[in-house]
Amino acid sequence: QVQLVESGGGLVQPGGSLRLSCAASGFTLDYPTIGYIGWFRQAPGREREGVSCISVSDADTYYADSVKGRFTISRDNAKGTIYLQMNTLKPEDTAVYYCAAVLRSSYYWPLMSVTDYDYWGQGTQVTVSS
């Protein structure tokens, strides 16, 4: 059974940093798993949007323009955990952050749409405010 559990959210001042974690179970983050992990966020009154994604097989990464250069997605295969390091946070980064997984190959890349993913975590709140 695939499960994703996010943690690491909280309140941070503008310019600060947070590292989100997504603990994955029910599958491994390396061979022979084929799939993708994505980080999404949803602010109040807005649609859920893709922030970043990583390919399980070759670790290719992709970032939304709004976070490029500030956020970094990574994984620890041994721990079965995907991270989102968020630096230089802005008030507009305030949202509930979700990790998501899809465990099959794709003929296109990147996978940054909600409909690309089959499994979702419960989300963790990130608030950027002074």
Protein backbone atom coordinates (compact mmCIF):
# COMPACT_ATOMS: atom_id res chain seq x y z
CA GLN A 1 0.00 0.00 0.00
CA VAL A 2 1.48 3.30 -1.10
CA GLN A 3 1.59 6.00 1.54
CA LEU A 4 3.11 9.46 1.52
CA VAL A 5 3.54 11.47 4.71
CA GLU A 6 4.74 15.07 4.61
CA SER A 7 6.40 16.92 7.47
CA GLY A 8 8.54 19.95 8.09
CA GLY A 9 6.10 22.77 7.52
CA GLY A 10 5.78 25.74 9.83
CA LEU A 11 5.95 29.49 10.23
CA VAL A 12 9.02 31.26 8.84
CA GLN A 13 9.95 34.86 8.20
CA PRO A 14 10.45 36.17 4.67
CA GLY A 15 13.92 35.27 3.46
CA GLY A 16 14.06 32.22 5.70
CA SER A 17 14.33 28.54 4.86
CA LEU A 18 12.44 25.32 5.49
CA ARG A 19 13.00 21.73 4.48
CA LEU A 20 9.95 19.62 3.79
CA SER A 21 10.12 15.84 3.94
CA CYS A 22 7.92 13.24 2.28
CA ALA A 23 8.25 9.76 3.74
CA ALA A 24 7.25 7.18 1.15
CA SER A 25 6.19 3.62 1.91
CA GLY A 26 4.87 0.82 -0.22
CA PHE A 27 7.54 1.34 -2.88
CA THR A 28 11.25 2.08 -3.13
CA LEU A 29 12.83 5.23 -4.50
CA ASP A 30 15.28 3.41 -6.74
CA TYR A 31 15.49 0.47 -9.13
CA PRO A 32 13.28 -1.29 -10.08
CA THR A 33 10.67 1.38 -9.34
CA ILE A 34 9.59 3.44 -12.33
CA GLY A 35 7.76 6.61 -11.54
CA TYR A 36 7.84 10.21 -10.46
CA ILE A 37 7.46 12.21 -7.26
CA GLY A 38 6.04 15.70 -7.28
CA TRP A 39 5.68 18.54 -4.81
CA PHE A 40 2.57 20.66 -5.13
CA ARG A 41 1.12 23.55 -3.16
CA GLN A 42 -2.28 25.07 -2.67
CA ALA A 43 -2.90 28.52 -1.31
CA PRO A 44 -6.35 29.56 0.00
CA GLY A 45 -8.73 30.24 -2.86
CA ARG A 46 -6.29 29.00 -5.48
CA GLU A 47 -5.86 25.82 -7.45
CA ARG A 48 -3.22 23.28 -6.51
CA GLU A 49 -0.07 23.94 -8.53
CA GLY A 50 3.05 21.96 -9.30
CA VAL A 51 6.22 23.18 -7.61
CA SER A 52 8.80 20.55 -8.52
CA CYS A 53 9.14 16.94 -9.61
CA ILE A 54 11.79 14.26 -9.74
CA SER A 55 12.11 11.10 -11.76
CA VAL A 56 12.66 7.99 -9.65
CA SER A 57 14.69 6.17 -12.30
CA ASP A 58 17.20 8.84 -13.34
CA ALA A 59 16.68 11.61 -10.76
CA ASP A 60 15.90 14.24 -13.39
CA THR A 61 14.36 17.28 -11.73
CA TYR A 62 12.13 20.13 -12.79
CA TYR A 63 11.02 23.34 -11.12
CA ALA A 64 8.24 25.81 -11.65
CA ASP A 65 9.52 29.22 -12.69
CA SER A 66 8.22 30.73 -9.46
CA VAL A 67 10.60 28.63 -7.33
CA LYS A 68 13.53 28.03 -9.67
CA GLY A 69 16.80 28.91 -7.99
CA ARG A 70 15.22 28.94 -4.52
CA PHE A 71 13.84 25.41 -4.06
CA THR A 72 15.67 22.10 -4.43
CA ILE A 73 14.09 18.65 -4.66
CA SER A 74 16.15 15.65 -3.61
CA ARG A 75 15.77 12.11 -2.34
CA ASP A 76 17.36 9.73 0.10
CA ASN A 77 16.81 6.25 -1.26
CA ALA A 78 17.94 4.52 1.93
CA LYS A 79 15.45 6.49 4.01
CA GLY A 80 12.71 6.35 1.42
CA THR A 81 12.27 10.09 1.73
CA ILE A 82 11.93 12.95 -0.74
CA TYR A 83 12.88 16.46 0.36
CA LEU A 84 12.03 19.95 -0.75
CA GLN A 85 14.58 22.46 0.45
CA MET A 86 13.02 25.92 0.31
CA ASN A 87 15.28 28.96 0.59
CA THR A 88 14.66 32.69 0.33
CA LEU A 89 11.02 32.14 1.15
CA LYS A 90 8.48 34.78 0.18
CA PRO A 91 4.98 35.50 1.54
CA GLU A 92 3.58 34.22 -1.75
CA ASP A 93 5.06 30.79 -0.96
CA THR A 94 2.48 30.43 1.81
CA ALA A 95 0.38 27.35 1.09
CA VAL A 96 -0.31 23.77 2.05
CA TYR A 97 2.41 21.67 0.43
CA TYR A 98 1.69 18.16 -0.80
CA CYS A 99 3.86 15.41 -2.17
CA ALA A 100 2.49 13.06 -4.77
CA ALA A 101 3.60 9.92 -6.58
CA VAL A 102 2.87 8.08 -9.77
CA LEU A 103 4.38 4.61 -10.26
CA ARG A 104 4.48 4.07 -14.00
CA SER A 105 6.42 5.37 -16.94
CA SER A 106 5.43 8.49 -18.82
CA TYR A 107 5.93 9.48 -22.41
CA TYR A 108 6.19 13.16 -21.46
CA TRP A 109 8.16 15.21 -18.96
CA PRO A 110 7.88 17.06 -16.67
CA LEU A 111 4.89 15.84 -14.69
CA MET A 112 3.57 18.99 -13.05
CA SER A 113 -0.19 18.54 -13.26
CA VAL A 114 -2.44 17.27 -10.48
CA THR A 115 -3.89 14.73 -12.89
CA ASP A 116 -0.45 13.22 -13.51
CA TYR A 117 -0.34 11.68 -10.03
CA ASP A 118 -2.16 8.80 -8.37
CA TYR A 119 -1.06 9.01 -4.74
CA TRP A 120 -1.09 12.00 -2.40
CA GLY A 121 0.00 12.87 1.08
CA GLN A 122 -2.08 14.80 3.57
CA GLY A 123 -0.15 18.04 3.20
CA THR A 124 1.88 20.29 5.48
CA GLN A 125 1.26 24.00 6.06
CA VAL A 126 3.95 26.52 5.20
CA THR A 127 3.38 30.10 6.30
CA VAL A 128 5.81 32.85 5.36
CA SER A 129 5.12 35.96 7.38
CA SER A 130 6.84 38.53 9.52
